[in-house]
């Protein structure tokens, strides 16, 4: 058995589909961070393989986007600048939309800490 600090480190690197979840004190942990939007649905379905009741699932997430979209004058933007602006807006909208849909789709799951 690993010391708890090592287990926590392993859990923070347990990327879903690549590494198994890590059990610490009877709770399963996995890393939810990714460069793309979080897939709450897949994470919740994986948790449901471990627990029988959705009420036992707790989601903590850090969304890697801004709290809001900054208003900018884009009238002089070139193609690359406009594309980067599109990515900023798209990432913001997609991440928030994914979270809202997950909360609607899984009303019994606890979305405890959502950091934006």
PDB file of N, CA and C in Angstrom:
ATOM      1  N   UNK A   1       0.840  -1.191   0.000  1.00  0.00           N
ATOM      2  CA  UNK A   1       0.000   0.000   0.000  1.00  0.00           C
ATOM      3  C   UNK A   1       0.878   1.245   0.000  1.00  0.00           C
ATOM      4  N   UNK A   2       0.531   2.211  -0.835  1.00  0.00           N
ATOM      5  CA  UNK A   2       1.290   3.459  -0.952  1.00  0.00           C
ATOM      6  C   UNK A   2       0.894   4.429   0.152  1.00  0.00           C
ATOM      7  N   UNK A   3       1.817   5.297   0.546  1.00  0.00           N
ATOM      8  CA  UNK A   3       1.422   6.365   1.470  1.00  0.00           C
ATOM      9  C   UNK A   3       0.339   7.223   0.810  1.00  0.00           C
ATOM     10  N   UNK A   4      -0.526   7.810   1.635  1.00  0.00           N
ATOM     11  CA  UNK A   4      -1.663   8.558   1.088  1.00  0.00           C
ATOM     12  C   UNK A   4      -1.230   9.685   0.155  1.00  0.00           C
ATOM     13  N   UNK A   5      -0.118  10.361   0.444  1.00  0.00           N
ATOM     14  CA  UNK A   5       0.336  11.454  -0.431  1.00  0.00           C
ATOM     15  C   UNK A   5       0.691  10.925  -1.822  1.00  0.00           C
ATOM     16  N   UNK A   6       1.267   9.733  -1.894  1.00  0.00           N
ATOM     17  CA  UNK A   6       1.589   9.129  -3.189  1.00  0.00           C
ATOM     18  C   UNK A   6       0.295   8.742  -3.904  1.00  0.00           C
ATOM     19  N   UNK A   7      -0.660   8.207  -3.163  1.00  0.00           N
ATOM     20  CA  UNK A   7      -1.950   7.846  -3.764  1.00  0.00           C
ATOM     21  C   UNK A   7      -2.630   9.077  -4.351  1.00  0.00           C
ATOM     22  N   UNK A   8      -2.578  10.192  -3.637  1.00  0.00           N
ATOM     23  CA  UNK A   8      -3.198  11.430  -4.144  1.00  0.00           C
ATOM     24  C   UNK A   8      -2.505  11.897  -5.412  1.00  0.00           C
ATOM     25  N   UNK A   9      -1.199  11.804  -5.448  1.00  0.00           N
ATOM     26  CA  UNK A   9      -0.452  12.172  -6.642  1.00  0.00           C
ATOM     27  C   UNK A   9      -0.840  11.264  -7.804  1.00  0.00           C
ATOM     28  N   UNK A  10      -0.956   9.982  -7.532  1.00  0.00           N
ATOM     29  CA  UNK A  10      -1.355   9.039  -8.571  1.00  0.00           C
ATOM     30  C   UNK A  10      -2.769   9.338  -9.057  1.00  0.00           C
ATOM     31  N   UNK A  11      -3.661   9.673  -8.132  1.00  0.00           N
ATOM     32  CA  UNK A  11      -5.048   9.990  -8.515  1.00  0.00           C
ATOM     33  C   UNK A  11      -5.101  11.232  -9.385  1.00  0.00           C
ATOM     34  N   UNK A  12      -4.258  12.224  -9.079  1.00  0.00           N
ATOM     35  CA  UNK A  12      -4.282  13.454  -9.866  1.00  0.00           C
ATOM     36  C   UNK A  12      -3.763  13.236 -11.277  1.00  0.00           C
ATOM     37  N   UNK A  13      -3.139  12.096 -11.508  1.00  0.00           N
ATOM     38  CA  UNK A  13      -2.628  11.762 -12.836  1.00  0.00           C
ATOM     39  C   UNK A  13      -3.363  10.586 -13.471  1.00  0.00           C
ATOM     40  N   UNK A  14      -4.425  10.134 -12.852  1.00  0.00           N
ATOM     41  CA  UNK A  14      -5.183   8.986 -13.364  1.00  0.00           C
ATOM     42  C   UNK A  14      -6.155   9.465 -14.447  1.00  0.00           C
ATOM     43  N   UNK A  15      -5.613   9.764 -15.605  1.00  0.00           N
ATOM     44  CA  UNK A  15      -6.404  10.274 -16.719  1.00  0.00           C
ATOM     45  C   UNK A  15      -7.375   9.199 -17.197  1.00  0.00           C
ATOM     46  N   UNK A  16      -8.669   9.490 -17.187  1.00  0.00           N
ATOM     47  CA  UNK A  16      -9.668   8.486 -17.585  1.00  0.00           C
ATOM     48  C   UNK A  16      -9.352   7.887 -18.953  1.00  0.00           C
ATOM     49  N   UNK A  17      -9.614   6.651 -19.094  1.00  0.00           N
ATOM     50  CA  UNK A  17      -9.396   5.778 -20.252  1.00  0.00           C
ATOM     51  C   UNK A  17      -7.929   5.394 -20.435  1.00  0.00           C
ATOM     52  N   UNK A  18      -6.991   6.094 -19.804  1.00  0.00           N
ATOM     53  CA  UNK A  18      -5.574   5.761 -19.932  1.00  0.00           C
ATOM     54  C   UNK A  18      -5.025   5.086 -18.680  1.00  0.00           C
ATOM     55  N   UNK A  19      -5.485   5.535 -17.508  1.00  0.00           N
ATOM     56  CA  UNK A  19      -5.011   4.992 -16.249  1.00  0.00           C
ATOM     57  C   UNK A  19      -6.201   4.655 -15.366  1.00  0.00           C
ATOM     58  N   UNK A  20      -6.086   3.626 -14.536  1.00  0.00           N
ATOM     59  CA  UNK A  20      -7.217   3.266 -13.664  1.00  0.00           C
ATOM     60  C   UNK A  20      -7.433   4.309 -12.567  1.00  0.00           C
ATOM     61  N   UNK A  21      -8.661   4.372 -12.074  1.00  0.00           N
ATOM     62  CA  UNK A  21      -8.944   5.244 -10.942  1.00  0.00           C
ATOM     63  C   UNK A  21      -8.174   4.753  -9.725  1.00  0.00           C
ATOM     64  N   UNK A  22      -7.984   5.640  -8.765  1.00  0.00           N
ATOM     65  CA  UNK A  22      -7.247   5.319  -7.538  1.00  0.00           C
ATOM     66  C   UNK A  22      -8.227   5.369  -6.375  1.00  0.00           C
ATOM     67  N   UNK A  23      -8.225   4.350  -5.534  1.00  0.00           N
ATOM     68  CA  UNK A  23      -9.114   4.299  -4.370  1.00  0.00           C
ATOM     69  C   UNK A  23      -8.335   4.783  -3.145  1.00  0.00           C
ATOM     70  N   UNK A  24      -8.874   5.821  -2.487  1.00  0.00           N
ATOM     71  CA  UNK A  24      -8.292   6.366  -1.266  1.00  0.00           C
ATOM     72  C   UNK A  24      -9.389   6.389  -0.211  1.00  0.00           C
ATOM     73  N   UNK A  25      -9.162   5.701   0.873  1.00  0.00           N
ATOM     74  CA  UNK A  25     -10.141   5.632   1.972  1.00  0.00           C
ATOM     75  C   UNK A  25     -11.537   5.237   1.480  1.00  0.00           C
ATOM     76  N   UNK A  26     -11.596   4.313   0.548  1.00  0.00           N
ATOM     77  CA  UNK A  26     -12.867   3.798   0.062  1.00  0.00           C
ATOM     78  C   UNK A  26     -13.535   4.624  -1.022  1.00  0.00           C
ATOM     79  N   UNK A  27     -12.931   5.761  -1.438  1.00  0.00           N
ATOM     80  CA  UNK A  27     -13.492   6.591  -2.507  1.00  0.00           C
ATOM     81  C   UNK A  27     -12.598   6.513  -3.731  1.00  0.00           C
ATOM     82  N   UNK A  28     -13.220   6.462  -4.907  1.00  0.00           N
ATOM     83  CA  UNK A  28     -12.467   6.376  -6.159  1.00  0.00           C
ATOM     84  C   UNK A  28     -12.194   7.774  -6.699  1.00  0.00           C
ATOM     85  N   UNK A  29     -10.944   7.998  -7.122  1.00  0.00           N
ATOM     86  CA  UNK A  29     -10.537   9.290  -7.664  1.00  0.00           C
ATOM     87  C   UNK A  29      -9.885   9.101  -9.015  1.00  0.00           C
ATOM     88  N   UNK A  30     -10.080  10.091  -9.877  1.00  0.00           N
ATOM     89  CA  UNK A  30      -9.447  10.116 -11.184  1.00  0.00           C
ATOM     90  C   UNK A  30      -9.225  11.564 -11.568  1.00  0.00           C
ATOM     91  N   UNK A  31      -8.319  11.794 -12.481  1.00  0.00           N
ATOM     92  CA  UNK A  31      -8.031  13.147 -12.930  1.00  0.00           C
ATOM     93  C   UNK A  31      -9.063  13.556 -13.974  1.00  0.00           C
ATOM     94  N   UNK A  32      -9.688  14.678 -13.762  1.00  0.00           N
ATOM     95  CA  UNK A  32     -10.687  15.158 -14.708  1.00  0.00           C
ATOM     96  C   UNK A  32     -10.159  16.226 -15.639  1.00  0.00           C
ATOM     97  N   UNK A  33      -8.939  16.670 -15.449  1.00  0.00           N
ATOM     98  CA  UNK A  33      -8.395  17.764 -16.254  1.00  0.00           C
ATOM     99  C   UNK A  33      -8.037  17.275 -17.648  1.00  0.00           C
ATOM    100  N   UNK A  34      -8.260  18.125 -18.605  1.00  0.00           N
ATOM    101  CA  UNK A  34      -7.898  17.825 -19.984  1.00  0.00           C
ATOM    102  C   UNK A  34      -7.780  19.139 -20.749  1.00  0.00           C
ATOM    103  N   UNK A  35      -7.201  19.079 -21.912  1.00  0.00           N
ATOM    104  CA  UNK A  35      -7.075  20.291 -22.719  1.00  0.00           C
ATOM    105  C   UNK A  35      -8.355  20.597 -23.464  1.00  0.00           C
ATOM    106  N   UNK A  36      -9.273  19.679 -23.487  1.00  0.00           N
ATOM    107  CA  UNK A  36     -10.566  19.892 -24.113  1.00  0.00           C
ATOM    108  C   UNK A  36     -11.607  19.958 -23.004  1.00  0.00           C
ATOM    109  N   UNK A  37     -12.819  20.252 -23.379  1.00  0.00           N
ATOM    110  CA  UNK A  37     -13.870  20.353 -22.362  1.00  0.00           C
ATOM    111  C   UNK A  37     -14.012  19.054 -21.594  1.00  0.00           C
ATOM    112  N   UNK A  38     -14.393  19.197 -20.363  1.00  0.00           N
ATOM    113  CA  UNK A  38     -14.629  18.026 -19.529  1.00  0.00           C
ATOM    114  C   UNK A  38     -15.838  17.272 -20.054  1.00  0.00           C
ATOM    115  N   UNK A  39     -15.742  15.981 -20.050  1.00  0.00           N
ATOM    116  CA  UNK A  39     -16.854  15.130 -20.450  1.00  0.00           C
ATOM    117  C   UNK A  39     -17.489  14.609 -19.168  1.00  0.00           C
ATOM    118  N   UNK A  40     -18.382  15.412 -18.612  1.00  0.00           N
ATOM    119  CA  UNK A  40     -19.010  15.047 -17.349  1.00  0.00           C
ATOM    120  C   UNK A  40     -19.773  13.731 -17.467  1.00  0.00           C
ATOM    121  N   UNK A  41     -20.454  13.536 -18.584  1.00  0.00           N
ATOM    122  CA  UNK A  41     -21.280  12.343 -18.763  1.00  0.00           C
ATOM    123  C   UNK A  41     -20.473  11.062 -18.662  1.00  0.00           C
ATOM    124  N   UNK A  42     -19.332  11.004 -19.341  1.00  0.00           N
ATOM    125  CA  UNK A  42     -18.492   9.811 -19.286  1.00  0.00           C
ATOM    126  C   UNK A  42     -17.962   9.592 -17.877  1.00  0.00           C
ATOM    127  N   UNK A  43     -17.532  10.668 -17.231  1.00  0.00           N
ATOM    128  CA  UNK A  43     -17.032  10.537 -15.855  1.00  0.00           C
ATOM    129  C   UNK A  43     -18.117   9.996 -14.931  1.00  0.00           C
ATOM    130  N   UNK A  44     -19.328  10.495 -15.083  1.00  0.00           N
ATOM    131  CA  UNK A  44     -20.434  10.054 -14.228  1.00  0.00           C
ATOM    132  C   UNK A  44     -20.787   8.597 -14.525  1.00  0.00           C
ATOM    133  N   UNK A  45     -20.821   8.234 -15.799  1.00  0.00           N
ATOM    134  CA  UNK A  45     -21.110   6.832 -16.145  1.00  0.00           C
ATOM    135  C   UNK A  45     -20.034   5.898 -15.595  1.00  0.00           C
ATOM    136  N   UNK A  46     -18.769   6.321 -15.614  1.00  0.00           N
ATOM    137  CA  UNK A  46     -17.696   5.502 -15.034  1.00  0.00           C
ATOM    138  C   UNK A  46     -17.896   5.354 -13.530  1.00  0.00           C
ATOM    139  N   UNK A  47     -18.316   6.446 -12.878  1.00  0.00           N
ATOM    140  CA  UNK A  47     -18.577   6.379 -11.432  1.00  0.00           C
ATOM    141  C   UNK A  47     -19.727   5.425 -11.138  1.00  0.00           C
ATOM    142  N   UNK A  48     -20.734   5.412 -12.011  1.00  0.00           N
ATOM    143  CA  UNK A  48     -21.883   4.539 -11.801  1.00  0.00           C
ATOM    144  C   UNK A  48     -21.505   3.062 -11.926  1.00  0.00           C
ATOM    145  N   UNK A  49     -20.341   2.775 -12.522  1.00  0.00           N
ATOM    146  CA  UNK A  49     -19.845   1.401 -12.556  1.00  0.00           C
ATOM    147  C   UNK A  49     -19.324   0.991 -11.180  1.00  0.00           C
ATOM    148  N   UNK A  50     -19.009   1.985 -10.346  1.00  0.00           N
ATOM    149  CA  UNK A  50     -18.429   1.724  -9.033  1.00  0.00           C
ATOM    150  C   UNK A  50     -19.468   1.818  -7.923  1.00  0.00           C
ATOM    151  N   UNK A  51     -20.365   2.804  -8.027  1.00  0.00           N
ATOM    152  CA  UNK A  51     -21.394   3.006  -6.996  1.00  0.00           C
ATOM    153  C   UNK A  51     -22.764   2.749  -7.596  1.00  0.00           C
ATOM    154  N   UNK A  52     -23.705   2.358  -6.769  1.00  0.00           N
ATOM    155  CA  UNK A  52     -25.031   2.014  -7.279  1.00  0.00           C
ATOM    156  C   UNK A  52     -25.990   3.198  -7.281  1.00  0.00           C
ATOM    157  N   UNK A  53     -25.702   4.229  -6.519  1.00  0.00           N
ATOM    158  CA  UNK A  53     -26.621   5.360  -6.389  1.00  0.00           C
ATOM    159  C   UNK A  53     -25.931   6.647  -6.843  1.00  0.00           C
ATOM    160  N   UNK A  54     -26.546   7.358  -7.792  1.00  0.00           N
ATOM    161  CA  UNK A  54     -25.995   8.623  -8.276  1.00  0.00           C
ATOM    162  C   UNK A  54     -25.771   9.622  -7.146  1.00  0.00           C
ATOM    163  N   UNK A  55     -26.512   9.505  -6.079  1.00  0.00           N
ATOM    164  CA  UNK A  55     -26.344  10.436  -4.952  1.00  0.00           C
ATOM    165  C   UNK A  55     -24.981  10.284  -4.280  1.00  0.00           C
ATOM    166  N   UNK A  56     -24.291   9.174  -4.551  1.00  0.00           N
ATOM    167  CA  UNK A  56     -22.960   8.951  -3.986  1.00  0.00           C
ATOM    168  C   UNK A  56     -21.851   9.537  -4.864  1.00  0.00           C
ATOM    169  N   UNK A  57     -22.226  10.129  -5.987  1.00  0.00           N
ATOM    170  CA  UNK A  57     -21.247  10.708  -6.904  1.00  0.00           C
ATOM    171  C   UNK A  57     -21.125  12.200  -6.627  1.00  0.00           C
ATOM    172  N   UNK A  58     -19.895  12.653  -6.438  1.00  0.00           N
ATOM    173  CA  UNK A  58     -19.615  14.068  -6.186  1.00  0.00           C
ATOM    174  C   UNK A  58     -18.626  14.544  -7.240  1.00  0.00           C
ATOM    175  N   UNK A  59     -18.976  15.617  -7.917  1.00  0.00           N
ATOM    176  CA  UNK A  59     -18.127  16.175  -8.964  1.00  0.00           C
ATOM    177  C   UNK A  59     -17.487  17.466  -8.472  1.00  0.00           C
ATOM    178  N   UNK A  60     -16.165  17.531  -8.567  1.00  0.00           N
ATOM    179  CA  UNK A  60     -15.401  18.758  -8.370  1.00  0.00           C
ATOM    180  C   UNK A  60     -14.696  19.004  -9.694  1.00  0.00           C
ATOM    181  N   UNK A  61     -14.773  20.217 -10.219  1.00  0.00           N
ATOM    182  CA  UNK A  61     -14.155  20.482 -11.518  1.00  0.00           C
ATOM    183  C   UNK A  61     -13.552  21.874 -11.557  1.00  0.00           C
ATOM    184  N   UNK A  62     -12.473  21.968 -12.275  1.00  0.00           N
ATOM    185  CA  UNK A  62     -11.869  23.259 -12.577  1.00  0.00           C
ATOM    186  C   UNK A  62     -12.018  23.454 -14.073  1.00  0.00           C
ATOM    187  N   UNK A  63     -12.788  24.463 -14.453  1.00  0.00           N
ATOM    188  CA  UNK A  63     -12.985  24.751 -15.866  1.00  0.00           C
ATOM    189  C   UNK A  63     -11.862  25.682 -16.315  1.00  0.00           C
ATOM    190  N   UNK A  64     -11.154  25.273 -17.335  1.00  0.00           N
ATOM    191  CA  UNK A  64      -9.990  26.035 -17.789  1.00  0.00           C
ATOM    192  C   UNK A  64     -10.401  27.102 -18.802  1.00  0.00           C
ATOM    193  N   UNK A  65     -11.289  27.961 -18.372  1.00  0.00           N
ATOM    194  CA  UNK A  65     -11.686  29.079 -19.227  1.00  0.00           C
ATOM    195  C   UNK A  65     -12.024  30.272 -18.344  1.00  0.00           C
ATOM    196  N   UNK A  66     -12.273  31.385 -18.956  1.00  0.00           N
ATOM    197  CA  UNK A  66     -12.581  32.602 -18.206  1.00  0.00           C
ATOM    198  C   UNK A  66     -13.963  32.538 -17.596  1.00  0.00           C
ATOM    199  N   UNK A  67     -14.168  33.362 -16.573  1.00  0.00           N
ATOM    200  CA  UNK A  67     -15.503  33.477 -15.989  1.00  0.00           C
ATOM    201  C   UNK A  67     -16.453  34.166 -16.957  1.00  0.00           C
ATOM    202  N   UNK A  68     -15.934  35.016 -17.795  1.00  0.00           N
ATOM    203  CA  UNK A  68     -16.755  35.740 -18.765  1.00  0.00           C
ATOM    204  C   UNK A  68     -15.915  36.037 -19.994  1.00  0.00           C
ATOM    205  N   UNK A  69     -16.593  36.468 -21.034  1.00  0.00           N
ATOM    206  CA  UNK A  69     -15.917  36.830 -22.271  1.00  0.00           C
ATOM    207  C   UNK A  69     -15.713  38.342 -22.270  1.00  0.00           C
ATOM    208  N   UNK A  70     -14.469  38.742 -22.421  1.00  0.00           N
ATOM    209  CA  UNK A  70     -14.137  40.163 -22.451  1.00  0.00           C
ATOM    210  C   UNK A  70     -14.580  40.767 -23.780  1.00  0.00           C
ATOM    211  N   UNK A  71     -15.257  41.904 -23.704  1.00  0.00           N
ATOM    212  CA  UNK A  71     -15.682  42.590 -24.919  1.00  0.00           C
ATOM    213  C   UNK A  71     -14.463  43.235 -25.563  1.00  0.00           C
ATOM    214  N   UNK A  72     -14.275  42.997 -26.852  1.00  0.00           N
ATOM    215  CA  UNK A  72     -13.108  43.518 -27.569  1.00  0.00           C
ATOM    216  C   UNK A  72     -13.530  44.117 -28.896  1.00  0.00           C
ATOM    217  N   UNK A  73     -12.782  45.113 -29.319  1.00  0.00           N
ATOM    218  CA  UNK A  73     -12.961  45.678 -30.654  1.00  0.00           C
ATOM    219  C   UNK A  73     -12.148  44.808 -31.608  1.00  0.00           C
ATOM    220  N   UNK A  74     -12.816  44.062 -32.435  1.00  0.00           N
ATOM    221  CA  UNK A  74     -12.139  43.145 -33.352  1.00  0.00           C
ATOM    222  C   UNK A  74     -12.142  43.662 -34.787  1.00  0.00           C
ATOM    223  N   UNK A  75     -12.478  44.926 -34.969  1.00  0.00           N
ATOM    224  CA  UNK A  75     -12.615  45.476 -36.324  1.00  0.00           C
ATOM    225  C   UNK A  75     -11.312  45.434 -37.124  1.00  0.00           C
ATOM    226  N   UNK A  76     -10.158  45.461 -36.451  1.00  0.00           N
ATOM    227  CA  UNK A  76      -8.889  45.416 -37.179  1.00  0.00           C
ATOM    228  C   UNK A  76      -8.197  44.054 -37.069  1.00  0.00           C
ATOM    229  N   UNK A  77      -8.900  43.033 -36.592  1.00  0.00           N
ATOM    230  CA  UNK A  77      -8.307  41.700 -36.459  1.00  0.00           C
ATOM    231  C   UNK A  77      -8.064  41.081 -37.836  1.00  0.00           C
ATOM    232  N   UNK A  78      -6.939  40.412 -37.944  1.00  0.00           N
ATOM    233  CA  UNK A  78      -6.624  39.613 -39.133  1.00  0.00           C
ATOM    234  C   UNK A  78      -7.186  38.207 -38.892  1.00  0.00           C
ATOM    235  N   UNK A  79      -7.034  37.345 -39.880  1.00  0.00           N
ATOM    236  CA  UNK A  79      -7.637  36.016 -39.820  1.00  0.00           C
ATOM    237  C   UNK A  79      -7.200  35.234 -38.578  1.00  0.00           C
ATOM    238  N   UNK A  80      -5.882  35.221 -38.288  1.00  0.00           N
ATOM    239  CA  UNK A  80      -5.394  34.448 -37.148  1.00  0.00           C
ATOM    240  C   UNK A  80      -5.946  34.990 -35.838  1.00  0.00           C
ATOM    241  N   UNK A  81      -5.977  36.308 -35.663  1.00  0.00           N
ATOM    242  CA  UNK A  81      -6.518  36.917 -34.447  1.00  0.00           C
ATOM    243  C   UNK A  81      -8.000  36.591 -34.299  1.00  0.00           C
ATOM    244  N   UNK A  82      -8.732  36.617 -35.404  1.00  0.00           N
ATOM    245  CA  UNK A  82     -10.160  36.306 -35.363  1.00  0.00           C
ATOM    246  C   UNK A  82     -10.379  34.834 -35.004  1.00  0.00           C
ATOM    247  N   UNK A  83      -9.530  33.976 -35.537  1.00  0.00           N
ATOM    248  CA  UNK A  83      -9.623  32.557 -35.212  1.00  0.00           C
ATOM    249  C   UNK A  83      -9.353  32.325 -33.723  1.00  0.00           C
ATOM    250  N   UNK A  84      -8.340  32.982 -33.170  1.00  0.00           N
ATOM    251  CA  UNK A  84      -8.034  32.840 -31.747  1.00  0.00           C
ATOM    252  C   UNK A  84      -9.186  33.375 -30.898  1.00  0.00           C
ATOM    253  N   UNK A  85      -9.805  34.450 -31.337  1.00  0.00           N
ATOM    254  CA  UNK A  85     -10.969  34.994 -30.614  1.00  0.00           C
ATOM    255  C   UNK A  85     -12.122  33.989 -30.654  1.00  0.00           C
ATOM    256  N   UNK A  86     -12.329  33.386 -31.806  1.00  0.00           N
ATOM    257  CA  UNK A  86     -13.361  32.355 -31.938  1.00  0.00           C
ATOM    258  C   UNK A  86     -13.106  31.211 -30.956  1.00  0.00           C
ATOM    259  N   UNK A  87     -11.844  30.763 -30.854  1.00  0.00           N
ATOM    260  CA  UNK A  87     -11.522  29.670 -29.937  1.00  0.00           C
ATOM    261  C   UNK A  87     -11.813  30.053 -28.491  1.00  0.00           C
ATOM    262  N   UNK A  88     -11.492  31.286 -28.103  1.00  0.00           N
ATOM    263  CA  UNK A  88     -11.789  31.754 -26.741  1.00  0.00           C
ATOM    264  C   UNK A  88     -13.277  31.695 -26.447  1.00  0.00           C
ATOM    265  N   UNK A  89     -14.057  32.237 -27.371  1.00  0.00           N
ATOM    266  CA  UNK A  89     -15.511  32.282 -27.172  1.00  0.00           C
ATOM    267  C   UNK A  89     -16.092  30.876 -27.200  1.00  0.00           C
ATOM    268  N   UNK A  90     -15.659  30.070 -28.154  1.00  0.00           N
ATOM    269  CA  UNK A  90     -16.173  28.712 -28.293  1.00  0.00           C
ATOM    270  C   UNK A  90     -15.870  27.871 -27.056  1.00  0.00           C
ATOM    271  N   UNK A  91     -14.667  27.968 -26.540  1.00  0.00           N
ATOM    272  CA  UNK A  91     -14.282  27.212 -25.347  1.00  0.00           C
ATOM    273  C   UNK A  91     -15.127  27.612 -24.153  1.00  0.00           C
ATOM    274  N   UNK A  92     -15.332  28.901 -23.985  1.00  0.00           N
ATOM    275  CA  UNK A  92     -16.151  29.407 -22.882  1.00  0.00           C
ATOM    276  C   UNK A  92     -17.577  28.872 -22.976  1.00  0.00           C
ATOM    277  N   UNK A  93     -18.177  29.000 -24.143  1.00  0.00           N
ATOM    278  CA  UNK A  93     -19.568  28.569 -24.331  1.00  0.00           C
ATOM    279  C   UNK A  93     -19.699  27.057 -24.171  1.00  0.00           C
ATOM    280  N   UNK A  94     -18.797  26.308 -24.788  1.00  0.00           N
ATOM    281  CA  UNK A  94     -18.871  24.842 -24.722  1.00  0.00           C
ATOM    282  C   UNK A  94     -18.725  24.324 -23.298  1.00  0.00           C
ATOM    283  N   UNK A  95     -17.756  24.857 -22.562  1.00  0.00           N
ATOM    284  CA  UNK A  95     -17.524  24.375 -21.197  1.00  0.00           C
ATOM    285  C   UNK A  95     -18.733  24.647 -20.310  1.00  0.00           C
ATOM    286  N   UNK A  96     -19.278  25.837 -20.403  1.00  0.00           N
ATOM    287  CA  UNK A  96     -20.437  26.165 -19.581  1.00  0.00           C
ATOM    288  C   UNK A  96     -21.661  25.375 -20.016  1.00  0.00           C
ATOM    289  N   UNK A  97     -21.811  25.175 -21.316  1.00  0.00           N
ATOM    290  CA  UNK A  97     -22.939  24.405 -21.838  1.00  0.00           C
ATOM    291  C   UNK A  97     -22.849  22.947 -21.387  1.00  0.00           C
ATOM    292  N   UNK A  98     -21.642  22.376 -21.436  1.00  0.00           N
ATOM    293  CA  UNK A  98     -21.449  20.991 -20.983  1.00  0.00           C
ATOM    294  C   UNK A  98     -21.817  20.837 -19.512  1.00  0.00           C
ATOM    295  N   UNK A  99     -21.410  21.799 -18.699  1.00  0.00           N
ATOM    296  CA  UNK A  99     -21.712  21.755 -17.267  1.00  0.00           C
ATOM    297  C   UNK A  99     -23.217  21.835 -17.034  1.00  0.00           C
ATOM    298  N   UNK A 100     -23.874  22.759 -17.695  1.00  0.00           N
ATOM    299  CA  UNK A 100     -25.326  22.931 -17.526  1.00  0.00           C
ATOM    300  C   UNK A 100     -26.067  21.660 -17.935  1.00  0.00           C
ATOM    301  N   UNK A 101     -25.677  21.077 -19.065  1.00  0.00           N
ATOM    302  CA  UNK A 101     -26.343  19.846 -19.522  1.00  0.00           C
ATOM    303  C   UNK A 101     -26.101  18.687 -18.560  1.00  0.00           C
ATOM    304  N   UNK A 102     -24.898  18.586 -18.036  1.00  0.00           N
ATOM    305  CA  UNK A 102     -24.605  17.503 -17.086  1.00  0.00           C
ATOM    306  C   UNK A 102     -25.446  17.663 -15.823  1.00  0.00           C
ATOM    307  N   UNK A 103     -25.579  18.882 -15.342  1.00  0.00           N
ATOM    308  CA  UNK A 103     -26.390  19.122 -14.145  1.00  0.00           C
ATOM    309  C   UNK A 103     -27.856  18.792 -14.405  1.00  0.00           C
ATOM    310  N   UNK A 104     -28.333  19.071 -15.609  1.00  0.00           N
ATOM    311  CA  UNK A 104     -29.719  18.736 -15.964  1.00  0.00           C
ATOM    312  C   UNK A 104     -29.894  17.228 -16.152  1.00  0.00           C
ATOM    313  N   UNK A 105     -28.907  16.587 -16.795  1.00  0.00           N
ATOM    314  CA  UNK A 105     -29.001  15.156 -17.097  1.00  0.00           C
ATOM    315  C   UNK A 105     -28.832  14.268 -15.862  1.00  0.00           C
ATOM    316  N   UNK A 106     -28.097  14.763 -14.867  1.00  0.00           N
ATOM    317  CA  UNK A 106     -27.811  13.978 -13.668  1.00  0.00           C
ATOM    318  C   UNK A 106     -28.187  14.777 -12.416  1.00  0.00           C
ATOM    319  N   UNK A 107     -29.484  14.976 -12.185  1.00  0.00           N
ATOM    320  CA  UNK A 107     -29.911  15.825 -11.065  1.00  0.00           C
ATOM    321  C   UNK A 107     -29.564  15.259  -9.682  1.00  0.00           C
ATOM    322  N   UNK A 108     -29.292  13.973  -9.582  1.00  0.00           N
ATOM    323  CA  UNK A 108     -28.962  13.377  -8.286  1.00  0.00           C
ATOM    324  C   UNK A 108     -27.471  13.410  -7.960  1.00  0.00           C
ATOM    325  N   UNK A 109     -26.652  13.780  -8.935  1.00  0.00           N
ATOM    326  CA  UNK A 109     -25.212  13.892  -8.718  1.00  0.00           C
ATOM    327  C   UNK A 109     -24.936  15.243  -8.057  1.00  0.00           C
ATOM    328  N   UNK A 110     -24.020  15.249  -7.104  1.00  0.00           N
ATOM    329  CA  UNK A 110     -23.646  16.502  -6.438  1.00  0.00           C
ATOM    330  C   UNK A 110     -22.511  17.163  -7.199  1.00  0.00           C
ATOM    331  N   UNK A 111     -22.739  18.354  -7.711  1.00  0.00           N
ATOM    332  CA  UNK A 111     -21.706  19.170  -8.342  1.00  0.00           C
ATOM    333  C   UNK A 111     -21.241  20.135  -7.257  1.00  0.00           C
ATOM    334  N   UNK A 112     -20.236  19.701  -6.494  1.00  0.00           N
ATOM    335  CA  UNK A 112     -19.850  20.388  -5.259  1.00  0.00           C
ATOM    336  C   UNK A 112     -19.030  21.648  -5.524  1.00  0.00           C
ATOM    337  N   UNK A 113     -17.875  21.492  -6.095  1.00  0.00           N
ATOM    338  CA  UNK A 113     -16.999  22.637  -6.336  1.00  0.00           C
ATOM    339  C   UNK A 113     -16.756  22.763  -7.841  1.00  0.00           C
ATOM    340  N   UNK A 114     -17.233  23.836  -8.415  1.00  0.00           N
ATOM    341  CA  UNK A 114     -16.982  24.116  -9.819  1.00  0.00           C
ATOM    342  C   UNK A 114     -16.215  25.429  -9.837  1.00  0.00           C
ATOM    343  N   UNK A 115     -14.939  25.346 -10.168  1.00  0.00           N
ATOM    344  CA  UNK A 115     -14.081  26.516 -10.190  1.00  0.00           C
ATOM    345  C   UNK A 115     -13.941  26.983 -11.626  1.00  0.00           C
ATOM    346  N   UNK A 116     -14.231  28.241 -11.834  1.00  0.00           N
ATOM    347  CA  UNK A 116     -14.108  28.815 -13.191  1.00  0.00           C
ATOM    348  C   UNK A 116     -13.014  29.844 -13.212  1.00  0.00           C
TER     349      UNK A 116
END
